[in-house]
Amino acid sequence: MPRRVDLPGASELFRPTADKAGRPASSPPAVTPQPLDAAPSPTGRIRHDEKITVYVSSEELLALEQLRLTLRAHHGVAVDRGRIVRAAIAEALADVQANGADARLIQRLTQS
């Protein structure tokens, strides 16, 4: 027996851009950027506004998945791959900000 799924209607999917009088609807509050001297931190579990696609080799993906399972099995940290990547990005940004040309990321990128 097929299951019937309730889907949202157009009113739930699209917000109006003008009110009934034709005036523009109020826009969502602007995001305030972090000061450049503040150390970035991993965002954790929040809804993100932007998306990137990263291509990795099979070996890199397997290593990332093994890391995720190790974090869960040995450290009790249950996170997804995206959260691991966001934490690694935050670490790299903080290292570059703190150490400049001596940062591990810069050393690694200039060796290739």
PDB file of N, CA and C in Angstrom:
ATOM      1  N   MET A   1       0.837  -1.170   0.000  1.00  0.00           N
ATOM      2  CA  MET A   1       0.000   0.000   0.000  1.00  0.00           C
ATOM      3  C   MET A   1       0.893   1.248   0.000  1.00  0.00           C
ATOM      4  N   PRO A   2       0.766   2.092  -1.015  1.00  0.00           N
ATOM      5  CA  PRO A   2       1.617   3.284  -1.069  1.00  0.00           C
ATOM      6  C   PRO A   2       1.268   4.268   0.039  1.00  0.00           C
ATOM      7  N   ARG A   3       2.305   4.878   0.572  1.00  0.00           N
ATOM      8  CA  ARG A   3       2.105   5.870   1.631  1.00  0.00           C
ATOM      9  C   ARG A   3       1.900   7.230   0.990  1.00  0.00           C
ATOM     10  N   ARG A   4       0.952   7.954   1.507  1.00  0.00           N
ATOM     11  CA  ARG A   4       0.693   9.296   1.001  1.00  0.00           C
ATOM     12  C   ARG A   4       1.467  10.286   1.863  1.00  0.00           C
ATOM     13  N   VAL A   5       2.222  11.127   1.228  1.00  0.00           N
ATOM     14  CA  VAL A   5       3.061  12.083   1.931  1.00  0.00           C
ATOM     15  C   VAL A   5       2.456  13.471   1.786  1.00  0.00           C
ATOM     16  N   ASP A   6       2.332  14.184   2.913  1.00  0.00           N
ATOM     17  CA  ASP A   6       1.869  15.566   2.863  1.00  0.00           C
ATOM     18  C   ASP A   6       3.041  16.468   2.521  1.00  0.00           C
ATOM     19  N   LEU A   7       2.904  17.223   1.460  1.00  0.00           N
ATOM     20  CA  LEU A   7       3.939  18.157   1.053  1.00  0.00           C
ATOM     21  C   LEU A   7       3.496  19.574   1.389  1.00  0.00           C
ATOM     22  N   PRO A   8       4.442  20.445   1.681  1.00  0.00           N
ATOM     23  CA  PRO A   8       4.066  21.824   1.983  1.00  0.00           C
ATOM     24  C   PRO A   8       3.530  22.518   0.738  1.00  0.00           C
ATOM     25  N   GLY A   9       2.643  23.465   0.958  1.00  0.00           N
ATOM     26  CA  GLY A   9       2.105  24.248  -0.139  1.00  0.00           C
ATOM     27  C   GLY A   9       3.011  25.413  -0.471  1.00  0.00           C
ATOM     28  N   ALA A  10       2.633  26.142  -1.500  1.00  0.00           N
ATOM     29  CA  ALA A  10       3.448  27.276  -1.941  1.00  0.00           C
ATOM     30  C   ALA A  10       3.583  28.325  -0.849  1.00  0.00           C
ATOM     31  N   SER A  11       2.541  28.523  -0.053  1.00  0.00           N
ATOM     32  CA  SER A  11       2.618  29.552   0.996  1.00  0.00           C
ATOM     33  C   SER A  11       3.645  29.198   2.058  1.00  0.00           C
ATOM     34  N   GLU A  12       3.888  27.906   2.267  1.00  0.00           N
ATOM     35  CA  GLU A  12       4.912  27.507   3.226  1.00  0.00           C
ATOM     36  C   GLU A  12       6.315  27.563   2.620  1.00  0.00           C
ATOM     37  N   LEU A  13       6.417  27.424   1.315  1.00  0.00           N
ATOM     38  CA  LEU A  13       7.721  27.396   0.667  1.00  0.00           C
ATOM     39  C   LEU A  13       8.257  28.777   0.313  1.00  0.00           C
ATOM     40  N   PHE A  14       7.373  29.693  -0.042  1.00  0.00           N
ATOM     41  CA  PHE A  14       7.812  31.003  -0.521  1.00  0.00           C
ATOM     42  C   PHE A  14       7.266  32.097   0.373  1.00  0.00           C
ATOM     43  N   ARG A  15       8.145  32.990   0.821  1.00  0.00           N
ATOM     44  CA  ARG A  15       7.684  34.114   1.625  1.00  0.00           C
ATOM     45  C   ARG A  15       7.371  35.269   0.691  1.00  0.00           C
ATOM     46  N   PRO A  16       6.389  36.079   1.037  1.00  0.00           N
ATOM     47  CA  PRO A  16       6.060  37.214   0.169  1.00  0.00           C
ATOM     48  C   PRO A  16       7.175  38.256   0.197  1.00  0.00           C
ATOM     49  N   THR A  17       7.390  38.902  -0.943  1.00  0.00           N
ATOM     50  CA  THR A  17       8.398  39.957  -1.011  1.00  0.00           C
ATOM     51  C   THR A  17       7.773  41.332  -0.862  1.00  0.00           C
ATOM     52  N   ALA A  18       6.453  41.405  -0.817  1.00  0.00           N
ATOM     53  CA  ALA A  18       5.757  42.673  -0.581  1.00  0.00           C
ATOM     54  C   ALA A  18       4.509  42.380   0.234  1.00  0.00           C
ATOM     55  N   ASP A  19       4.072  43.363   1.028  1.00  0.00           N
ATOM     56  CA  ASP A  19       2.839  43.166   1.790  1.00  0.00           C
ATOM     57  C   ASP A  19       1.643  43.439   0.878  1.00  0.00           C
ATOM     58  N   LYS A  20       0.445  43.332   1.408  1.00  0.00           N
ATOM     59  CA  LYS A  20      -0.762  43.474   0.602  1.00  0.00           C
ATOM     60  C   LYS A  20      -0.891  44.865  -0.013  1.00  0.00           C
ATOM     61  N   ALA A  21      -0.299  45.883   0.609  1.00  0.00           N
ATOM     62  CA  ALA A  21      -0.360  47.247   0.078  1.00  0.00           C
ATOM     63  C   ALA A  21       0.701  47.487  -0.993  1.00  0.00           C
ATOM     64  N   GLY A  22       1.549  46.516  -1.275  1.00  0.00           N
ATOM     65  CA  GLY A  22       2.563  46.654  -2.298  1.00  0.00           C
ATOM     66  C   GLY A  22       3.895  47.162  -1.796  1.00  0.00           C
ATOM     67  N   ARG A  23       3.995  47.418  -0.488  1.00  0.00           N
ATOM     68  CA  ARG A  23       5.271  47.872   0.076  1.00  0.00           C
ATOM     69  C   ARG A  23       6.189  46.667   0.237  1.00  0.00           C
ATOM     70  N   PRO A  24       7.492  46.869   0.061  1.00  0.00           N
ATOM     71  CA  PRO A  24       8.418  45.736   0.250  1.00  0.00           C
ATOM     72  C   PRO A  24       8.319  45.181   1.668  1.00  0.00           C
ATOM     73  N   ALA A  25       8.328  43.856   1.761  1.00  0.00           N
ATOM     74  CA  ALA A  25       8.296  43.207   3.076  1.00  0.00           C
ATOM     75  C   ALA A  25       9.623  43.450   3.775  1.00  0.00           C
ATOM     76  N   SER A  26       9.585  43.421   5.095  1.00  0.00           N
ATOM     77  CA  SER A  26      10.830  43.646   5.833  1.00  0.00           C
ATOM     78  C   SER A  26      11.790  42.502   5.551  1.00  0.00           C
ATOM     79  N   SER A  27      13.028  42.851   5.327  1.00  0.00           N
ATOM     80  CA  SER A  27      14.036  41.839   5.024  1.00  0.00           C
ATOM     81  C   SER A  27      14.577  41.258   6.321  1.00  0.00           C
ATOM     82  N   PRO A  28      15.116  40.044   6.262  1.00  0.00           N
ATOM     83  CA  PRO A  28      15.702  39.460   7.467  1.00  0.00           C
ATOM     84  C   PRO A  28      16.890  40.301   7.918  1.00  0.00           C
ATOM     85  N   PRO A  29      17.216  40.268   9.195  1.00  0.00           N
ATOM     86  CA  PRO A  29      18.327  41.085   9.686  1.00  0.00           C
ATOM     87  C   PRO A  29      19.639  40.679   9.020  1.00  0.00           C
ATOM     88  N   ALA A  30      20.450  41.672   8.742  1.00  0.00           N
ATOM     89  CA  ALA A  30      21.744  41.420   8.105  1.00  0.00           C
ATOM     90  C   ALA A  30      22.676  40.726   9.085  1.00  0.00           C
ATOM     91  N   VAL A  31      23.525  39.877   8.557  1.00  0.00           N
ATOM     92  CA  VAL A  31      24.499  39.170   9.383  1.00  0.00           C
ATOM     93  C   VAL A  31      25.682  40.101   9.606  1.00  0.00           C
ATOM     94  N   THR A  32      26.082  40.251  10.863  1.00  0.00           N
ATOM     95  CA  THR A  32      27.237  41.093  11.151  1.00  0.00           C
ATOM     96  C   THR A  32      28.494  40.246  11.041  1.00  0.00           C
ATOM     97  N   PRO A  33      29.468  40.696  10.244  1.00  0.00           N
ATOM     98  CA  PRO A  33      30.691  39.901  10.095  1.00  0.00           C
ATOM     99  C   PRO A  33      31.520  39.919  11.365  1.00  0.00           C
ATOM    100  N   GLN A  34      32.261  38.815  11.584  1.00  0.00           N
ATOM    101  CA  GLN A  34      33.163  38.739  12.732  1.00  0.00           C
ATOM    102  C   GLN A  34      34.338  39.665  12.497  1.00  0.00           C
ATOM    103  N   PRO A  35      34.837  40.308  13.535  1.00  0.00           N
ATOM    104  CA  PRO A  35      36.049  41.102  13.354  1.00  0.00           C
ATOM    105  C   PRO A  35      37.200  40.209  12.907  1.00  0.00           C
ATOM    106  N   LEU A  36      38.100  40.775  12.107  1.00  0.00           N
ATOM    107  CA  LEU A  36      39.196  39.980  11.565  1.00  0.00           C
ATOM    108  C   LEU A  36      40.139  39.465  12.631  1.00  0.00           C
ATOM    109  N   ASP A  37      40.210  40.160  13.779  1.00  0.00           N
ATOM    110  CA  ASP A  37      41.133  39.710  14.812  1.00  0.00           C
ATOM    111  C   ASP A  37      40.529  38.642  15.715  1.00  0.00           C
ATOM    112  N   ALA A  38      39.245  38.336  15.555  1.00  0.00           N
ATOM    113  CA  ALA A  38      38.612  37.292  16.366  1.00  0.00           C
ATOM    114  C   ALA A  38      38.946  35.931  15.765  1.00  0.00           C
ATOM    115  N   ALA A  39      39.322  34.997  16.608  1.00  0.00           N
ATOM    116  CA  ALA A  39      39.654  33.653  16.134  1.00  0.00           C
ATOM    117  C   ALA A  39      38.375  32.940  15.713  1.00  0.00           C
ATOM    118  N   PRO A  40      38.338  32.365  14.516  1.00  0.00           N
ATOM    119  CA  PRO A  40      37.150  31.643  14.088  1.00  0.00           C
ATOM    120  C   PRO A  40      36.974  30.376  14.903  1.00  0.00           C
ATOM    121  N   SER A  41      35.741  29.999  15.091  1.00  0.00           N
ATOM    122  CA  SER A  41      35.466  28.770  15.821  1.00  0.00           C
ATOM    123  C   SER A  41      34.556  27.907  14.967  1.00  0.00           C
ATOM    124  N   PRO A  42      34.613  26.595  15.134  1.00  0.00           N
ATOM    125  CA  PRO A  42      33.731  25.745  14.351  1.00  0.00           C
ATOM    126  C   PRO A  42      32.287  26.055  14.698  1.00  0.00           C
ATOM    127  N   THR A  43      31.421  25.985  13.700  1.00  0.00           N
ATOM    128  CA  THR A  43      30.050  26.413  13.899  1.00  0.00           C
ATOM    129  C   THR A  43      29.176  25.372  14.577  1.00  0.00           C
ATOM    130  N   GLY A  44      29.552  24.120  14.523  1.00  0.00           N
ATOM    131  CA  GLY A  44      28.735  23.106  15.179  1.00  0.00           C
ATOM    132  C   GLY A  44      27.438  22.872  14.429  1.00  0.00           C
ATOM    133  N   ARG A  45      26.391  22.540  15.166  1.00  0.00           N
ATOM    134  CA  ARG A  45      25.126  22.190  14.545  1.00  0.00           C
ATOM    135  C   ARG A  45      24.229  23.403  14.440  1.00  0.00           C
ATOM    136  N   ILE A  46      24.365  24.125  13.364  1.00  0.00           N
ATOM    137  CA  ILE A  46      23.474  25.237  13.062  1.00  0.00           C
ATOM    138  C   ILE A  46      23.119  25.154  11.589  1.00  0.00           C
ATOM    139  N   ARG A  47      22.111  25.891  11.201  1.00  0.00           N
ATOM    140  CA  ARG A  47      21.758  25.942   9.785  1.00  0.00           C
ATOM    141  C   ARG A  47      22.734  26.887   9.094  1.00  0.00           C
ATOM    142  N   HIS A  48      23.378  26.404   8.050  1.00  0.00           N
ATOM    143  CA  HIS A  48      24.389  27.190   7.355  1.00  0.00           C
ATOM    144  C   HIS A  48      23.796  27.857   6.120  1.00  0.00           C
ATOM    145  N   ASP A  49      24.324  29.024   5.792  1.00  0.00           N
ATOM    146  CA  ASP A  49      23.823  29.790   4.658  1.00  0.00           C
ATOM    147  C   ASP A  49      24.519  29.444   3.348  1.00  0.00           C
ATOM    148  N   GLU A  50      25.743  29.015   3.418  1.00  0.00           N
ATOM    149  CA  GLU A  50      26.534  28.780   2.214  1.00  0.00           C
ATOM    150  C   GLU A  50      26.942  27.316   2.123  1.00  0.00           C
ATOM    151  N   LYS A  51      27.252  26.898   0.898  1.00  0.00           N
ATOM    152  CA  LYS A  51      27.641  25.510   0.670  1.00  0.00           C
ATOM    153  C   LYS A  51      28.816  25.487  -0.299  1.00  0.00           C
ATOM    154  N   ILE A  52      29.746  24.580  -0.049  1.00  0.00           N
ATOM    155  CA  ILE A  52      30.840  24.347  -0.988  1.00  0.00           C
ATOM    156  C   ILE A  52      30.884  22.857  -1.300  1.00  0.00           C
ATOM    157  N   THR A  53      31.460  22.539  -2.431  1.00  0.00           N
ATOM    158  CA  THR A  53      31.672  21.146  -2.801  1.00  0.00           C
ATOM    159  C   THR A  53      33.167  20.899  -2.824  1.00  0.00           C
ATOM    160  N   VAL A  54      33.593  19.851  -2.164  1.00  0.00           N
ATOM    161  CA  VAL A  54      35.009  19.512  -2.103  1.00  0.00           C
ATOM    162  C   VAL A  54      35.174  18.109  -2.667  1.00  0.00           C
ATOM    163  N   TYR A  55      36.074  17.978  -3.626  1.00  0.00           N
ATOM    164  CA  TYR A  55      36.360  16.671  -4.198  1.00  0.00           C
ATOM    165  C   TYR A  55      37.580  16.090  -3.504  1.00  0.00           C
ATOM    166  N   VAL A  56      37.455  14.856  -3.047  1.00  0.00           N
ATOM    167  CA  VAL A  56      38.549  14.171  -2.369  1.00  0.00           C
ATOM    168  C   VAL A  56      38.756  12.814  -3.032  1.00  0.00           C
ATOM    169  N   SER A  57      39.917  12.242  -2.801  1.00  0.00           N
ATOM    170  CA  SER A  57      40.195  10.910  -3.338  1.00  0.00           C
ATOM    171  C   SER A  57      39.459   9.869  -2.499  1.00  0.00           C
ATOM    172  N   SER A  58      39.397   8.669  -3.015  1.00  0.00           N
ATOM    173  CA  SER A  58      38.761   7.571  -2.274  1.00  0.00           C
ATOM    174  C   SER A  58      39.467   7.336  -0.947  1.00  0.00           C
ATOM    175  N   GLU A  59      40.798   7.435  -0.966  1.00  0.00           N
ATOM    176  CA  GLU A  59      41.571   7.216   0.255  1.00  0.00           C
ATOM    177  C   GLU A  59      41.282   8.307   1.291  1.00  0.00           C
ATOM    178  N   GLU A  60      41.180   9.562   0.829  1.00  0.00           N
ATOM    179  CA  GLU A  60      40.888  10.663   1.757  1.00  0.00           C
ATOM    180  C   GLU A  60      39.491  10.523   2.358  1.00  0.00           C
ATOM    181  N   LEU A  61      38.531  10.120   1.530  1.00  0.00           N
ATOM    182  CA  LEU A  61      37.172   9.931   2.037  1.00  0.00           C
ATOM    183  C   LEU A  61      37.123   8.786   3.038  1.00  0.00           C
ATOM    184  N   LEU A  62      37.835   7.707   2.755  1.00  0.00           N
ATOM    185  CA  LEU A  62      37.892   6.577   3.678  1.00  0.00           C
ATOM    186  C   LEU A  62      38.548   6.993   4.995  1.00  0.00           C
ATOM    187  N   ALA A  63      39.629   7.776   4.915  1.00  0.00           N
ATOM    188  CA  ALA A  63      40.303   8.255   6.130  1.00  0.00           C
ATOM    189  C   ALA A  63      39.385   9.164   6.940  1.00  0.00           C
ATOM    190  N   LEU A  64      38.621  10.017   6.263  1.00  0.00           N
ATOM    191  CA  LEU A  64      37.679  10.899   6.960  1.00  0.00           C
ATOM    192  C   LEU A  64      36.592  10.083   7.651  1.00  0.00           C
ATOM    193  N   GLU A  65      36.094   9.078   6.971  1.00  0.00           N
ATOM    194  CA  GLU A  65      35.061   8.224   7.560  1.00  0.00           C
ATOM    195  C   GLU A  65      35.622   7.424   8.734  1.00  0.00           C
ATOM    196  N   GLN A  66      36.857   6.942   8.625  1.00  0.00           N
ATOM    197  CA  GLN A  66      37.484   6.227   9.741  1.00  0.00           C
ATOM    198  C   GLN A  66      37.698   7.157  10.929  1.00  0.00           C
ATOM    199  N   LEU A  67      38.071   8.412  10.660  1.00  0.00           N
ATOM    200  CA  LEU A  67      38.209   9.397  11.732  1.00  0.00           C
ATOM    201  C   LEU A  67      36.875   9.611  12.431  1.00  0.00           C
ATOM    202  N   ARG A  68      35.806   9.730  11.645  1.00  0.00           N
ATOM    203  CA  ARG A  68      34.471   9.927  12.226  1.00  0.00           C
ATOM    204  C   ARG A  68      34.095   8.760  13.135  1.00  0.00           C
ATOM    205  N   LEU A  69      34.378   7.546  12.686  1.00  0.00           N
ATOM    206  CA  LEU A  69      34.064   6.366  13.490  1.00  0.00           C
ATOM    207  C   LEU A  69      34.958   6.273  14.724  1.00  0.00           C
ATOM    208  N   THR A  70      36.228   6.663  14.599  1.00  0.00           N
ATOM    209  CA  THR A  70      37.143   6.673  15.745  1.00  0.00           C
ATOM    210  C   THR A  70      36.685   7.686  16.784  1.00  0.00           C
ATOM    211  N   LEU A  71      36.283   8.867  16.328  1.00  0.00           N
ATOM    212  CA  LEU A  71      35.776   9.879  17.263  1.00  0.00           C
ATOM    213  C   LEU A  71      34.582   9.338  18.042  1.00  0.00           C
ATOM    214  N   ARG A  72      33.728   8.605  17.345  1.00  0.00           N
ATOM    215  CA  ARG A  72      32.535   8.060  18.003  1.00  0.00           C
ATOM    216  C   ARG A  72      32.885   6.910  18.945  1.00  0.00           C
ATOM    217  N   ALA A  73      33.729   5.982  18.483  1.00  0.00           N
ATOM    218  CA  ALA A  73      34.030   4.778  19.263  1.00  0.00           C
ATOM    219  C   ALA A  73      34.941   5.047  20.450  1.00  0.00           C
ATOM    220  N   HIS A  74      35.959   5.865  20.271  1.00  0.00           N
ATOM    221  CA  HIS A  74      36.974   6.046  21.309  1.00  0.00           C
ATOM    222  C   HIS A  74      36.811   7.315  22.140  1.00  0.00           C
ATOM    223  N   HIS A  75      36.095   8.296  21.590  1.00  0.00           N
ATOM    224  CA  HIS A  75      35.989   9.574  22.293  1.00  0.00           C
ATOM    225  C   HIS A  75      34.552   9.973  22.607  1.00  0.00           C
ATOM    226  N   GLY A  76      33.588   9.170  22.155  1.00  0.00           N
ATOM    227  CA  GLY A  76      32.187   9.464  22.428  1.00  0.00           C
ATOM    228  C   GLY A  76      31.670  10.705  21.720  1.00  0.00           C
ATOM    229  N   VAL A  77      32.311  11.093  20.621  1.00  0.00           N
ATOM    230  CA  VAL A  77      31.914  12.287  19.874  1.00  0.00           C
ATOM    231  C   VAL A  77      31.231  11.832  18.589  1.00  0.00           C
ATOM    232  N   ALA A  78      29.918  11.998  18.522  1.00  0.00           N
ATOM    233  CA  ALA A  78      29.160  11.589  17.343  1.00  0.00           C
ATOM    234  C   ALA A  78      28.906  12.814  16.470  1.00  0.00           C
ATOM    235  N   VAL A  79      29.692  12.938  15.403  1.00  0.00           N
ATOM    236  CA  VAL A  79      29.561  14.074  14.490  1.00  0.00           C
ATOM    237  C   VAL A  79      29.552  13.569  13.056  1.00  0.00           C
ATOM    238  N   ASP A  80      29.051  14.408  12.159  1.00  0.00           N
ATOM    239  CA  ASP A  80      29.078  14.034  10.750  1.00  0.00           C
ATOM    240  C   ASP A  80      30.349  14.566  10.087  1.00  0.00           C
ATOM    241  N   ARG A  81      30.564  14.164   8.851  1.00  0.00           N
ATOM    242  CA  ARG A  81      31.781  14.573   8.140  1.00  0.00           C
ATOM    243  C   ARG A  81      31.856  16.078   7.966  1.00  0.00           C
ATOM    244  N   GLY A  82      30.731  16.714   7.717  1.00  0.00           N
ATOM    245  CA  GLY A  82      30.721  18.163   7.538  1.00  0.00           C
ATOM    246  C   GLY A  82      31.203  18.903   8.766  1.00  0.00           C
ATOM    247  N   ARG A  83      30.799  18.421   9.922  1.00  0.00           N
ATOM    248  CA  ARG A  83      31.223  19.080  11.159  1.00  0.00           C
ATOM    249  C   ARG A  83      32.722  18.905  11.386  1.00  0.00           C
ATOM    250  N   ILE A  84      33.255  17.746  11.028  1.00  0.00           N
ATOM    251  CA  ILE A  84      34.702  17.524  11.134  1.00  0.00           C
ATOM    252  C   ILE A  84      35.435  18.488  10.200  1.00  0.00           C
ATOM    253  N   VAL A  85      34.948  18.626   8.980  1.00  0.00           N
ATOM    254  CA  VAL A  85      35.585  19.520   8.014  1.00  0.00           C
ATOM    255  C   VAL A  85      35.502  20.965   8.492  1.00  0.00           C
ATOM    256  N   ARG A  86      34.347  21.396   9.025  1.00  0.00           N
ATOM    257  CA  ARG A  86      34.222  22.771   9.527  1.00  0.00           C
ATOM    258  C   ARG A  86      35.169  23.016  10.693  1.00  0.00           C
ATOM    259  N   ALA A  87      35.341  22.021  11.573  1.00  0.00           N
ATOM    260  CA  ALA A  87      36.279  22.168  12.692  1.00  0.00           C
ATOM    261  C   ALA A  87      37.712  22.271  12.177  1.00  0.00           C
ATOM    262  N   ALA A  88      38.048  21.480  11.160  1.00  0.00           N
ATOM    263  CA  ALA A  88      39.399  21.533  10.587  1.00  0.00           C
ATOM    264  C   ALA A  88      39.651  22.882   9.916  1.00  0.00           C
ATOM    265  N   ILE A  89      38.658  23.426   9.243  1.00  0.00           N
ATOM    266  CA  ILE A  89      38.799  24.747   8.622  1.00  0.00           C
ATOM    267  C   ILE A  89      39.019  25.806   9.690  1.00  0.00           C
ATOM    268  N   ALA A  90      38.253  25.741  10.771  1.00  0.00           N
ATOM    269  CA  ALA A  90      38.412  26.711  11.858  1.00  0.00           C
ATOM    270  C   ALA A  90      39.810  26.629  12.462  1.00  0.00           C
ATOM    271  N   GLU A  91      40.325  25.409  12.630  1.00  0.00           N
ATOM    272  CA  GLU A  91      41.683  25.233  13.159  1.00  0.00           C
ATOM    273  C   GLU A  91      42.721  25.832  12.213  1.00  0.00           C
ATOM    274  N   ALA A  92      42.566  25.581  10.921  1.00  0.00           N
ATOM    275  CA  ALA A  92      43.525  26.107   9.944  1.00  0.00           C
ATOM    276  C   ALA A  92      43.493  27.631   9.921  1.00  0.00           C
ATOM    277  N   LEU A  93      42.301  28.220   9.953  1.00  0.00           N
ATOM    278  CA  LEU A  93      42.189  29.683   9.954  1.00  0.00           C
ATOM    279  C   LEU A  93      42.811  30.288  11.203  1.00  0.00           C
ATOM    280  N   ALA A  94      42.568  29.666  12.347  1.00  0.00           N
ATOM    281  CA  ALA A  94      43.140  30.174  13.600  1.00  0.00           C
ATOM    282  C   ALA A  94      44.663  30.068  13.585  1.00  0.00           C
ATOM    283  N   ASP A  95      45.192  28.981  13.028  1.00  0.00           N
ATOM    284  CA  ASP A  95      46.640  28.793  12.956  1.00  0.00           C
ATOM    285  C   ASP A  95      47.282  29.840  12.047  1.00  0.00           C
ATOM    286  N   VAL A  96      46.657  30.110  10.900  1.00  0.00           N
ATOM    287  CA  VAL A  96      47.191  31.125   9.988  1.00  0.00           C
ATOM    288  C   VAL A  96      47.150  32.495  10.649  1.00  0.00           C
ATOM    289  N   GLN A  97      46.060  32.778  11.341  1.00  0.00           N
ATOM    290  CA  GLN A  97      45.937  34.075  12.007  1.00  0.00           C
ATOM    291  C   GLN A  97      46.970  34.227  13.126  1.00  0.00           C
ATOM    292  N   ALA A  98      47.212  33.159  13.858  1.00  0.00           N
ATOM    293  CA  ALA A  98      48.137  33.233  14.992  1.00  0.00           C
ATOM    294  C   ALA A  98      49.601  33.167  14.559  1.00  0.00           C
ATOM    295  N   ASN A  99      49.903  32.371  13.531  1.00  0.00           N
ATOM    296  CA  ASN A  99      51.299  32.108  13.187  1.00  0.00           C
ATOM    297  C   ASN A  99      51.749  32.661  11.843  1.00  0.00           C
ATOM    298  N   GLY A 100      50.843  33.211  11.072  1.00  0.00           N
ATOM    299  CA  GLY A 100      51.213  33.802   9.785  1.00  0.00           C
ATOM    300  C   GLY A 100      51.904  32.807   8.874  1.00  0.00           C
ATOM    301  N   ALA A 101      53.073  33.190   8.367  1.00  0.00           N
ATOM    302  CA  ALA A 101      53.804  32.354   7.410  1.00  0.00           C
ATOM    303  C   ALA A 101      54.288  31.044   8.017  1.00  0.00           C
ATOM    304  N   ASP A 102      54.341  30.956   9.336  1.00  0.00           N
ATOM    305  CA  ASP A 102      54.770  29.721   9.992  1.00  0.00           C
ATOM    306  C   ASP A 102      53.619  28.745  10.233  1.00  0.00           C
ATOM    307  N   ALA A 103      52.423  29.089   9.807  1.00  0.00           N
ATOM    308  CA  ALA A 103      51.264  28.220  10.019  1.00  0.00           C
ATOM    309  C   ALA A 103      51.445  26.913   9.251  1.00  0.00           C
ATOM    310  N   ARG A 104      50.923  25.834   9.804  1.00  0.00           N
ATOM    311  CA  ARG A 104      51.062  24.515   9.173  1.00  0.00           C
ATOM    312  C   ARG A 104      50.425  24.483   7.787  1.00  0.00           C
ATOM    313  N   LEU A 105      49.283  25.163   7.627  1.00  0.00           N
ATOM    314  CA  LEU A 105      48.612  25.177   6.330  1.00  0.00           C
ATOM    315  C   LEU A 105      49.496  25.824   5.267  1.00  0.00           C
ATOM    316  N   ILE A 106      50.086  26.956   5.590  1.00  0.00           N
ATOM    317  CA  ILE A 106      50.948  27.645   4.622  1.00  0.00           C
ATOM    318  C   ILE A 106      52.176  26.800   4.314  1.00  0.00           C
ATOM    319  N   GLN A 107      52.760  26.176   5.330  1.00  0.00           N
ATOM    320  CA  GLN A 107      53.915  25.303   5.102  1.00  0.00           C
ATOM    321  C   GLN A 107      53.545  24.153   4.170  1.00  0.00           C
ATOM    322  N   ARG A 108      52.379  23.560   4.405  1.00  0.00           N
ATOM    323  CA  ARG A 108      51.951  22.421   3.595  1.00  0.00           C
ATOM    324  C   ARG A 108      51.668  22.836   2.153  1.00  0.00           C
ATOM    325  N   LEU A 109      51.032  23.994   1.979  1.00  0.00           N
ATOM    326  CA  LEU A 109      50.684  24.439   0.633  1.00  0.00           C
ATOM    327  C   LEU A 109      51.899  24.907  -0.163  1.00  0.00           C
ATOM    328  N   THR A 110      52.910  25.426   0.506  1.00  0.00           N
ATOM    329  CA  THR A 110      54.094  25.900  -0.216  1.00  0.00           C
ATOM    330  C   THR A 110      55.088  24.782  -0.506  1.00  0.00           C
ATOM    331  N   GLN A 111      54.932  23.626   0.119  1.00  0.00           N
ATOM    332  CA  GLN A 111      55.820  22.488  -0.144  1.00  0.00           C
ATOM    333  C   GLN A 111      55.467  21.780  -1.441  1.00  0.00           C
ATOM    334  N   SER A 112      54.219  21.898  -1.893  1.00  0.00           N
ATOM    335  CA  SER A 112      53.802  21.154  -3.088  1.00  0.00           C
ATOM    336  C   SER A 112      54.343  21.723  -4.351  1.00  0.00           C
TER     337      SER A 112
END
